Amino acid sequence: AKHIVYITDFTQGDHFQMVFAAARKIGWVRDGDDEDDEGAITASSHRLDHIGFGTVQGEDGKRFKTRSGDTVRLVDLLDEAVSRMETSLRERMTEGKANISEEELHATASAMGYGAVKYFDLRRNPTSNYIFSYDRMLDTKGNTAIYLLYAHARLESIIAKGKADFNVDVDELISSKKTKVVLGHKSERNLGLHLQFFADCIEETLKDLYPYHICDFVYALSNAASEFVTQCKVLGSEEMESRLLLCRATTLTMRQCFHLLGIRHVMRI
């Protein structure tokens, strides 16, 4: 193995640094700046990383436990998040604000509930402690998976309406390669610029292995997309084809981020 990553409690950080130093001294691993007999940098270097994680705390600031003092199981946290999300979606369905059927309810709630817990944990520096809060992680506003999934579904809804109401199929536009994306409005340019940051975000994540870089990127991208669809008319505009392509480029990038974070996207909510 050329790259080994250890993930434990952050308090074991000093221990792993001493282990890594000892391994280098013994000669078991070589750093990237090692040189061969002729003074050239070797290609067979190794990388050792330790990622420490902080403590999950309750509202009282103490280690998160059940009322009886037992350790909270992850499966119970996930099930509770799904249950709360299902209740929220059912309320929206009753009010006519949801675009899903009864058959889709549980699967959608599962994707959003599981995603909310994962994202809430991944969007911060892993070494820091944080307070576990269902209300904050299931919030439809702010830097949460719920907000991101709604933003993604909103863009996909625009794309679907473009095909249904205007007979403009984005997939056909992409395959034909006849339509160019024109970034005329400032919000279009801003969204296009954010899309260009994706490669930089991945390179930064590979350096320190902190997934919060991806969270910060996709959140900023979602905000840029929201500004774009608010300020620029997409459906029925002269620039409709170009703007639908921009919507699809955004949803594809968002889905790649979701995949890297282990979050399942939904096409409609």
C-alpha atoms as a PDB file:
ATOM      1  CA  ALA A   1       0.000   0.000   0.000  1.00  0.00           C
ATOM      2  CA  LYS A   2       1.268   3.459  -0.891  1.00  0.00           C
ATOM      3  CA  HIS A   3      -1.326   5.431   1.067  1.00  0.00           C
ATOM      4  CA  ILE A   4      -2.676   4.421   4.479  1.00  0.00           C
ATOM      5  CA  VAL A   5      -5.326   6.404   6.377  1.00  0.00           C
ATOM      6  CA  TYR A   6      -6.156   5.806  10.044  1.00  0.00           C
ATOM      7  CA  ILE A   7      -9.435   7.198  11.395  1.00  0.00           C
ATOM      8  CA  THR A   8      -9.799   7.315  15.182  1.00  0.00           C
ATOM      9  CA  ASP A   9     -10.601   9.649  18.049  1.00  0.00           C
ATOM     10  CA  PHE A  10      -8.553  12.855  17.623  1.00  0.00           C
ATOM     11  CA  THR A  11      -6.937  12.370  21.054  1.00  0.00           C
ATOM     12  CA  GLN A  12      -4.808   9.604  19.524  1.00  0.00           C
ATOM     13  CA  GLY A  13      -3.180  12.054  17.110  1.00  0.00           C
ATOM     14  CA  ASP A  14       0.158  12.274  18.951  1.00  0.00           C
ATOM     15  CA  HIS A  15       0.353   8.481  19.138  1.00  0.00           C
ATOM     16  CA  PHE A  16       0.000   8.087  15.375  1.00  0.00           C
ATOM     17  CA  GLN A  17       2.518  10.833  14.632  1.00  0.00           C
ATOM     18  CA  MET A  18       5.077   8.970  16.754  1.00  0.00           C
ATOM     19  CA  VAL A  19       4.209   5.695  14.993  1.00  0.00           C
ATOM     20  CA  PHE A  20       4.642   7.353  11.583  1.00  0.00           C
ATOM     21  CA  ALA A  21       7.980   8.883  12.640  1.00  0.00           C
ATOM     22  CA  ALA A  22       9.204   5.509  13.896  1.00  0.00           C
ATOM     23  CA  ALA A  23       8.160   3.794  10.661  1.00  0.00           C
ATOM     24  CA  ARG A  24      10.156   6.323   8.643  1.00  0.00           C
ATOM     25  CA  LYS A  25      13.186   5.958  10.901  1.00  0.00           C
ATOM     26  CA  ILE A  26      13.104   2.173  10.601  1.00  0.00           C
ATOM     27  CA  GLY A  27      12.793   2.481   6.838  1.00  0.00           C
ATOM     28  CA  TRP A  28       9.387   0.861   6.470  1.00  0.00           C
ATOM     29  CA  VAL A  29       8.027   3.891   4.604  1.00  0.00           C
ATOM     30  CA  ARG A  30       9.587   6.586   2.467  1.00  0.00           C
ATOM     31  CA  ASP A  31       8.492  10.204   2.159  1.00  0.00           C
ATOM     32  CA  GLY A  32       7.779  11.872  -1.150  1.00  0.00           C
ATOM     33  CA  ASP A  33      11.042  13.801  -0.974  1.00  0.00           C
ATOM     34  CA  ASP A  34      13.225  10.673  -0.710  1.00  0.00           C
ATOM     35  CA  GLU A  35      15.992  10.449  -3.306  1.00  0.00           C
ATOM     36  CA  ASP A  36      17.612   7.470  -4.965  1.00  0.00           C
ATOM     37  CA  ASP A  37      21.351   6.875  -5.336  1.00  0.00           C
ATOM     38  CA  GLU A  38      21.518   9.316  -8.229  1.00  0.00           C
ATOM     39  CA  GLY A  39      19.679  12.074  -6.351  1.00  0.00           C
ATOM     40  CA  ALA A  40      16.352  11.717  -8.190  1.00  0.00           C
ATOM     41  CA  ILE A  41      13.013  11.848  -6.355  1.00  0.00           C
ATOM     42  CA  THR A  42      11.669   8.329  -5.916  1.00  0.00           C
ATOM     43  CA  ALA A  43       8.269   7.321  -7.271  1.00  0.00           C
ATOM     44  CA  SER A  44       7.745   4.674  -4.588  1.00  0.00           C
ATOM     45  CA  SER A  45       7.049   7.075  -1.720  1.00  0.00           C
ATOM     46  CA  HIS A  46       4.394   6.363   0.884  1.00  0.00           C
ATOM     47  CA  ARG A  47       1.783   8.545   2.536  1.00  0.00           C
ATOM     48  CA  LEU A  48       0.529   7.990   6.056  1.00  0.00           C
ATOM     49  CA  ASP A  49      -2.410  10.015   7.400  1.00  0.00           C
ATOM     50  CA  HIS A  50      -4.332  10.107  10.633  1.00  0.00           C
ATOM     51  CA  ILE A  51      -7.786  11.684  10.630  1.00  0.00           C
ATOM     52  CA  GLY A  52      -9.056  12.361  14.123  1.00  0.00           C
ATOM     53  CA  PHE A  53     -12.707  12.987  14.867  1.00  0.00           C
ATOM     54  CA  GLY A  54     -14.196  15.028  17.679  1.00  0.00           C
ATOM     55  CA  THR A  55     -16.957  14.230  20.143  1.00  0.00           C
ATOM     56  CA  VAL A  56     -20.656  14.350  19.316  1.00  0.00           C
ATOM     57  CA  GLN A  57     -22.373  16.271  22.126  1.00  0.00           C
ATOM     58  CA  GLY A  58     -25.931  16.697  23.307  1.00  0.00           C
ATOM     59  CA  GLU A  59     -27.695  20.020  23.813  1.00  0.00           C
ATOM     60  CA  ASP A  60     -26.121  20.156  27.288  1.00  0.00           C
ATOM     61  CA  GLY A  61     -22.624  20.159  25.798  1.00  0.00           C
ATOM     62  CA  LYS A  62     -21.798  16.717  27.189  1.00  0.00           C
ATOM     63  CA  ARG A  63     -21.112  13.488  25.298  1.00  0.00           C
ATOM     64  CA  PHE A  64     -24.278  12.489  23.447  1.00  0.00           C
ATOM     65  CA  LYS A  65     -26.060   9.675  25.310  1.00  0.00           C
ATOM     66  CA  THR A  66     -29.562   8.332  25.819  1.00  0.00           C
ATOM     67  CA  ARG A  67     -31.610   9.400  28.844  1.00  0.00           C
ATOM     68  CA  SER A  68     -30.536   6.214  30.591  1.00  0.00           C
ATOM     69  CA  GLY A  69     -26.887   7.063  30.018  1.00  0.00           C
ATOM     70  CA  ASP A  70     -26.253   4.492  27.301  1.00  0.00           C
ATOM     71  CA  THR A  71     -24.314   5.229  24.120  1.00  0.00           C
ATOM     72  CA  VAL A  72     -26.610   6.275  21.288  1.00  0.00           C
ATOM     73  CA  ARG A  73     -26.528   3.832  18.377  1.00  0.00           C
ATOM     74  CA  LEU A  74     -26.037   5.280  14.904  1.00  0.00           C
ATOM     75  CA  VAL A  75     -28.887   3.190  13.499  1.00  0.00           C
ATOM     76  CA  ASP A  76     -31.265   4.778  16.011  1.00  0.00           C
ATOM     77  CA  LEU A  77     -30.154   8.287  14.991  1.00  0.00           C
ATOM     78  CA  LEU A  78     -30.688   7.463  11.329  1.00  0.00           C
ATOM     79  CA  ASP A  79     -34.105   5.906  11.923  1.00  0.00           C
ATOM     80  CA  GLU A  80     -35.228   8.941  13.926  1.00  0.00           C
ATOM     81  CA  ALA A  81     -34.057  11.316  11.181  1.00  0.00           C
ATOM     82  CA  VAL A  82     -36.002   9.336   8.575  1.00  0.00           C
ATOM     83  CA  SER A  83     -39.105   9.284  10.784  1.00  0.00           C
ATOM     84  CA  ARG A  84     -39.005  13.063  11.298  1.00  0.00           C
ATOM     85  CA  MET A  85     -38.396  13.660   7.603  1.00  0.00           C
ATOM     86  CA  GLU A  86     -41.325  11.416   6.679  1.00  0.00           C
ATOM     87  CA  THR A  87     -43.597  13.367   9.016  1.00  0.00           C
ATOM     88  CA  SER A  88     -42.437  16.653   7.480  1.00  0.00           C
ATOM     89  CA  LEU A  89     -42.965  15.429   3.919  1.00  0.00           C
ATOM     90  CA  ARG A  90     -46.394  14.047   4.738  1.00  0.00           C
ATOM     91  CA  GLU A  91     -47.415  17.453   6.091  1.00  0.00           C
ATOM     92  CA  ARG A  92     -46.226  19.074   2.861  1.00  0.00           C
ATOM     93  CA  MET A  93     -48.181  16.517   0.854  1.00  0.00           C
ATOM     94  CA  THR A  94     -51.331  17.337   2.831  1.00  0.00           C
ATOM     95  CA  GLU A  95     -50.775  21.036   2.112  1.00  0.00           C
ATOM     96  CA  GLY A  96     -50.204  20.314  -1.587  1.00  0.00           C
ATOM     97  CA  LYS A  97     -46.587  21.494  -1.421  1.00  0.00           C
ATOM     98  CA  ALA A  98     -44.870  18.175  -2.214  1.00  0.00           C
ATOM     99  CA  ASN A  99     -44.371  16.693  -5.664  1.00  0.00           C
ATOM    100  CA  ILE A 100     -44.165  13.033  -4.611  1.00  0.00           C
ATOM    101  CA  SER A 101     -46.681  10.220  -4.287  1.00  0.00           C
ATOM    102  CA  GLU A 102     -47.509   8.117  -1.246  1.00  0.00           C
ATOM    103  CA  GLU A 103     -45.463   5.275  -2.773  1.00  0.00           C
ATOM    104  CA  GLU A 104     -42.414   7.535  -3.035  1.00  0.00           C
ATOM    105  CA  LEU A 105     -42.746   8.981   0.458  1.00  0.00           C
ATOM    106  CA  HIS A 106     -40.639   6.525   2.466  1.00  0.00           C
ATOM    107  CA  ALA A 107     -37.844   6.245  -0.102  1.00  0.00           C
ATOM    108  CA  THR A 108     -37.612  10.036  -0.357  1.00  0.00           C
ATOM    109  CA  ALA A 109     -37.663  10.459   3.433  1.00  0.00           C
ATOM    110  CA  SER A 110     -34.943   7.817   3.783  1.00  0.00           C
ATOM    111  CA  ALA A 111     -32.667   9.515   1.269  1.00  0.00           C
ATOM    112  CA  MET A 112     -33.156  12.905   2.912  1.00  0.00           C
ATOM    113  CA  GLY A 113     -32.983  11.681   6.509  1.00  0.00           C
ATOM    114  CA  TYR A 114     -29.830   9.612   6.040  1.00  0.00           C
ATOM    115  CA  GLY A 115     -28.288  12.363   3.953  1.00  0.00           C
ATOM    116  CA  ALA A 116     -29.045  14.967   6.615  1.00  0.00           C
ATOM    117  CA  VAL A 117     -27.191  13.038   9.336  1.00  0.00           C
ATOM    118  CA  LYS A 118     -24.198  12.333   7.095  1.00  0.00           C
ATOM    119  CA  TYR A 119     -23.917  15.890   5.842  1.00  0.00           C
ATOM    120  CA  PHE A 120     -24.273  17.395   9.319  1.00  0.00           C
ATOM    121  CA  ASP A 121     -21.254  15.342  10.388  1.00  0.00           C
ATOM    122  CA  LEU A 122     -19.136  15.844   7.263  1.00  0.00           C
ATOM    123  CA  ARG A 123     -19.604  19.580   6.773  1.00  0.00           C
ATOM    124  CA  ARG A 124     -17.348  20.545   9.687  1.00  0.00           C
ATOM    125  CA  ASN A 125     -13.708  19.981  10.548  1.00  0.00           C
ATOM    126  CA  PRO A 126     -13.688  16.375  11.810  1.00  0.00           C
ATOM    127  CA  THR A 127     -11.439  17.187  14.764  1.00  0.00           C
ATOM    128  CA  SER A 128     -13.939  19.629  16.292  1.00  0.00           C
ATOM    129  CA  ASN A 129     -16.713  18.670  18.695  1.00  0.00           C
ATOM    130  CA  TYR A 130     -20.271  19.468  17.689  1.00  0.00           C
ATOM    131  CA  ILE A 131     -23.754  19.484  19.189  1.00  0.00           C
ATOM    132  CA  PHE A 132     -26.159  16.989  17.647  1.00  0.00           C
ATOM    133  CA  SER A 133     -29.454  18.649  16.704  1.00  0.00           C
ATOM    134  CA  TYR A 134     -32.229  17.176  14.562  1.00  0.00           C
ATOM    135  CA  ASP A 135     -33.806  20.608  14.128  1.00  0.00           C
ATOM    136  CA  ARG A 136     -30.639  22.060  12.618  1.00  0.00           C
ATOM    137  CA  MET A 137     -29.745  19.103  10.424  1.00  0.00           C
ATOM    138  CA  LEU A 138     -33.298  18.815   8.996  1.00  0.00           C
ATOM    139  CA  ASP A 139     -33.635  22.558   8.367  1.00  0.00           C
ATOM    140  CA  THR A 140     -34.661  23.423   4.805  1.00  0.00           C
ATOM    141  CA  LYS A 141     -32.557  26.600   4.964  1.00  0.00           C
ATOM    142  CA  GLY A 142     -28.853  27.064   5.455  1.00  0.00           C
ATOM    143  CA  ASN A 143     -25.966  24.666   4.985  1.00  0.00           C
ATOM    144  CA  THR A 144     -27.847  21.368   5.300  1.00  0.00           C
ATOM    145  CA  ALA A 145     -28.362  18.339   3.080  1.00  0.00           C
ATOM    146  CA  ILE A 146     -32.096  19.093   3.065  1.00  0.00           C
ATOM    147  CA  TYR A 147     -31.519  22.521   1.524  1.00  0.00           C
ATOM    148  CA  LEU A 148     -29.138  21.043  -1.059  1.00  0.00           C
ATOM    149  CA  LEU A 149     -31.519  18.243  -2.032  1.00  0.00           C
ATOM    150  CA  TYR A 150     -34.373  20.745  -2.445  1.00  0.00           C
ATOM    151  CA  ALA A 151     -32.104  22.954  -4.588  1.00  0.00           C
ATOM    152  CA  HIS A 152     -31.213  19.976  -6.774  1.00  0.00           C
ATOM    153  CA  ALA A 153     -34.864  18.925  -7.120  1.00  0.00           C
ATOM    154  CA  ARG A 154     -35.836  22.489  -8.054  1.00  0.00           C
ATOM    155  CA  LEU A 155     -33.364  22.514 -10.950  1.00  0.00           C
ATOM    156  CA  GLU A 156     -34.497  19.083 -12.111  1.00  0.00           C
ATOM    157  CA  SER A 157     -38.103  20.301 -12.003  1.00  0.00           C
ATOM    158  CA  ILE A 158     -37.203  23.178 -14.335  1.00  0.00           C
ATOM    159  CA  ILE A 159     -35.488  20.741 -16.703  1.00  0.00           C
ATOM    160  CA  ALA A 160     -38.529  18.421 -16.660  1.00  0.00           C
ATOM    161  CA  LYS A 161     -40.899  21.325 -17.392  1.00  0.00           C
ATOM    162  CA  GLY A 162     -38.675  22.389 -20.271  1.00  0.00           C
ATOM    163  CA  LYS A 163     -39.277  19.010 -21.889  1.00  0.00           C
ATOM    164  CA  ALA A 164     -42.965  18.722 -20.993  1.00  0.00           C
ATOM    165  CA  ASP A 165     -44.108  22.274 -21.743  1.00  0.00           C
ATOM    166  CA  PHE A 166     -41.618  23.466 -24.370  1.00  0.00           C
ATOM    167  CA  ASN A 167     -40.441  20.200 -25.964  1.00  0.00           C
ATOM    168  CA  VAL A 168     -36.817  20.988 -25.143  1.00  0.00           C
ATOM    169  CA  ASP A 169     -34.966  17.838 -24.098  1.00  0.00           C
ATOM    170  CA  VAL A 170     -31.692  18.654 -22.362  1.00  0.00           C
ATOM    171  CA  ASP A 171     -30.274  15.202 -23.048  1.00  0.00           C
ATOM    172  CA  GLU A 172     -30.860  15.723 -26.780  1.00  0.00           C
ATOM    173  CA  LEU A 173     -29.198  19.133 -26.587  1.00  0.00           C
ATOM    174  CA  ILE A 174     -26.168  17.549 -24.990  1.00  0.00           C
ATOM    175  CA  SER A 175     -25.926  14.687 -27.500  1.00  0.00           C
ATOM    176  CA  SER A 176     -26.401  16.958 -30.529  1.00  0.00           C
ATOM    177  CA  LYS A 177     -23.726  19.413 -29.316  1.00  0.00           C
ATOM    178  CA  LYS A 178     -25.413  22.159 -31.331  1.00  0.00           C
ATOM    179  CA  THR A 179     -26.268  24.521 -28.465  1.00  0.00           C
ATOM    180  CA  LYS A 180     -23.580  26.557 -26.756  1.00  0.00           C
ATOM    181  CA  VAL A 181     -23.860  27.763 -23.176  1.00  0.00           C
ATOM    182  CA  VAL A 182     -23.839  31.559 -23.163  1.00  0.00           C
ATOM    183  CA  LEU A 183     -23.072  33.282 -19.876  1.00  0.00           C
ATOM    184  CA  GLY A 184     -24.497  36.723 -20.524  1.00  0.00           C
ATOM    185  CA  HIS A 185     -26.137  37.651 -17.229  1.00  0.00           C
ATOM    186  CA  LYS A 186     -23.962  38.220 -14.160  1.00  0.00           C
ATOM    187  CA  SER A 187     -25.714  35.412 -12.273  1.00  0.00           C
ATOM    188  CA  GLU A 188     -24.992  33.059 -15.180  1.00  0.00           C
ATOM    189  CA  ARG A 189     -21.316  34.006 -15.074  1.00  0.00           C
ATOM    190  CA  ASN A 190     -21.277  33.552 -11.313  1.00  0.00           C
ATOM    191  CA  LEU A 191     -22.766  30.055 -11.592  1.00  0.00           C
ATOM    192  CA  GLY A 192     -20.375  29.129 -14.390  1.00  0.00           C
ATOM    193  CA  LEU A 193     -17.445  30.311 -12.282  1.00  0.00           C
ATOM    194  CA  HIS A 194     -18.591  28.204  -9.333  1.00  0.00           C
ATOM    195  CA  LEU A 195     -18.803  25.149 -11.584  1.00  0.00           C
ATOM    196  CA  GLN A 196     -15.182  25.719 -12.584  1.00  0.00           C
ATOM    197  CA  PHE A 197     -14.129  25.480  -8.921  1.00  0.00           C
ATOM    198  CA  PHE A 198     -15.095  21.793  -8.719  1.00  0.00           C
ATOM    199  CA  ALA A 199     -11.701  20.441  -9.788  1.00  0.00           C
ATOM    200  CA  ASP A 200      -9.927  22.738  -7.318  1.00  0.00           C
ATOM    201  CA  CYS A 201     -12.251  21.510  -4.569  1.00  0.00           C
ATOM    202  CA  ILE A 202     -11.366  17.875  -5.263  1.00  0.00           C
ATOM    203  CA  GLU A 203      -7.635  18.620  -5.313  1.00  0.00           C
ATOM    204  CA  GLU A 204      -7.922  20.436  -1.980  1.00  0.00           C
ATOM    205  CA  THR A 205      -9.837  17.501  -0.481  1.00  0.00           C
ATOM    206  CA  LEU A 206      -7.182  15.038  -1.628  1.00  0.00           C
ATOM    207  CA  LYS A 207      -4.515  17.059   0.152  1.00  0.00           C
ATOM    208  CA  ASP A 208      -5.936  16.965   3.682  1.00  0.00           C
ATOM    209  CA  LEU A 209      -8.732  14.357   3.224  1.00  0.00           C
ATOM    210  CA  TYR A 210     -11.337  16.638   4.816  1.00  0.00           C
ATOM    211  CA  PRO A 211     -14.739  16.203   3.106  1.00  0.00           C
ATOM    212  CA  TYR A 212     -15.983  19.560   4.379  1.00  0.00           C
ATOM    213  CA  HIS A 213     -14.301  21.130   1.322  1.00  0.00           C
ATOM    214  CA  ILE A 214     -16.855  19.312  -0.848  1.00  0.00           C
ATOM    215  CA  CYS A 215     -19.682  20.417   1.467  1.00  0.00           C
ATOM    216  CA  ASP A 216     -18.577  24.051   1.268  1.00  0.00           C
ATOM    217  CA  PHE A 217     -18.321  23.819  -2.512  1.00  0.00           C
ATOM    218  CA  VAL A 218     -21.725  22.250  -3.164  1.00  0.00           C
ATOM    219  CA  TYR A 219     -23.401  24.680  -0.735  1.00  0.00           C
ATOM    220  CA  ALA A 220     -21.847  27.680  -2.518  1.00  0.00           C
ATOM    221  CA  LEU A 221     -22.813  26.140  -5.876  1.00  0.00           C
ATOM    222  CA  SER A 222     -26.426  25.711  -4.710  1.00  0.00           C
ATOM    223  CA  ASN A 223     -26.584  29.335  -3.607  1.00  0.00           C
ATOM    224  CA  ALA A 224     -25.220  30.449  -6.976  1.00  0.00           C
ATOM    225  CA  ALA A 225     -27.797  28.259  -8.762  1.00  0.00           C
ATOM    226  CA  SER A 226     -30.620  29.669  -6.641  1.00  0.00           C
ATOM    227  CA  GLU A 227     -29.550  33.206  -7.504  1.00  0.00           C
ATOM    228  CA  PHE A 228     -29.384  32.242 -11.184  1.00  0.00           C
ATOM    229  CA  VAL A 229     -32.921  30.805 -11.462  1.00  0.00           C
ATOM    230  CA  THR A 230     -34.268  33.735  -9.419  1.00  0.00           C
ATOM    231  CA  GLN A 231     -32.712  36.453 -11.566  1.00  0.00           C
ATOM    232  CA  CYS A 232     -32.819  34.738 -14.959  1.00  0.00           C
ATOM    233  CA  LYS A 233     -35.961  33.454 -16.637  1.00  0.00           C
ATOM    234  CA  VAL A 234     -35.224  29.976 -17.909  1.00  0.00           C
ATOM    235  CA  LEU A 235     -38.425  28.532 -19.388  1.00  0.00           C
ATOM    236  CA  GLY A 236     -39.826  30.399 -22.358  1.00  0.00           C
ATOM    237  CA  SER A 237     -36.863  32.763 -22.656  1.00  0.00           C
ATOM    238  CA  GLU A 238     -34.730  33.313 -25.755  1.00  0.00           C
ATOM    239  CA  GLU A 239     -31.826  31.783 -23.842  1.00  0.00           C
ATOM    240  CA  MET A 240     -33.852  28.759 -22.682  1.00  0.00           C
ATOM    241  CA  GLU A 241     -31.697  26.064 -24.269  1.00  0.00           C
ATOM    242  CA  SER A 242     -28.468  27.565 -22.952  1.00  0.00           C
ATOM    243  CA  ARG A 243     -29.918  28.060 -19.494  1.00  0.00           C
ATOM    244  CA  LEU A 244     -31.351  24.535 -19.348  1.00  0.00           C
ATOM    245  CA  LEU A 245     -27.889  23.217 -20.182  1.00  0.00           C
ATOM    246  CA  LEU A 246     -26.500  25.312 -17.342  1.00  0.00           C
ATOM    247  CA  CYS A 247     -29.113  23.807 -15.011  1.00  0.00           C
ATOM    248  CA  ARG A 248     -28.097  20.288 -16.083  1.00  0.00           C
ATOM    249  CA  ALA A 249     -24.378  21.031 -15.638  1.00  0.00           C
ATOM    250  CA  THR A 250     -25.189  22.171 -12.104  1.00  0.00           C
ATOM    251  CA  THR A 251     -27.284  19.128 -11.180  1.00  0.00           C
ATOM    252  CA  LEU A 252     -24.634  16.759 -12.563  1.00  0.00           C
ATOM    253  CA  THR A 253     -21.963  18.467 -10.471  1.00  0.00           C
ATOM    254  CA  MET A 254     -24.180  18.423  -7.402  1.00  0.00           C
ATOM    255  CA  ARG A 255     -24.864  14.716  -7.872  1.00  0.00           C
ATOM    256  CA  GLN A 256     -21.138  14.040  -8.104  1.00  0.00           C
ATOM    257  CA  CYS A 257     -20.700  15.834  -4.774  1.00  0.00           C
ATOM    258  CA  PHE A 258     -23.567  13.863  -3.239  1.00  0.00           C
ATOM    259  CA  HIS A 259     -21.952  10.637  -4.443  1.00  0.00           C
ATOM    260  CA  LEU A 260     -18.595  11.553  -2.891  1.00  0.00           C
ATOM    261  CA  LEU A 261     -20.332  12.393   0.396  1.00  0.00           C
ATOM    262  CA  GLY A 262     -22.392   9.185   0.393  1.00  0.00           C
ATOM    263  CA  ILE A 263     -25.710  11.016  -0.026  1.00  0.00           C
ATOM    264  CA  ARG A 264     -28.447   9.676  -2.288  1.00  0.00           C
ATOM    265  CA  HIS A 265     -30.059  12.387  -4.396  1.00  0.00           C
ATOM    266  CA  VAL A 266     -33.755  12.612  -5.239  1.00  0.00           C
ATOM    267  CA  MET A 267     -35.167  13.958  -8.488  1.00  0.00           C
ATOM    268  CA  ARG A 268     -38.265  15.513  -6.968  1.00  0.00           C
ATOM    269  CA  ILE A 269     -39.575  16.365  -3.511  1.00  0.00           C
END
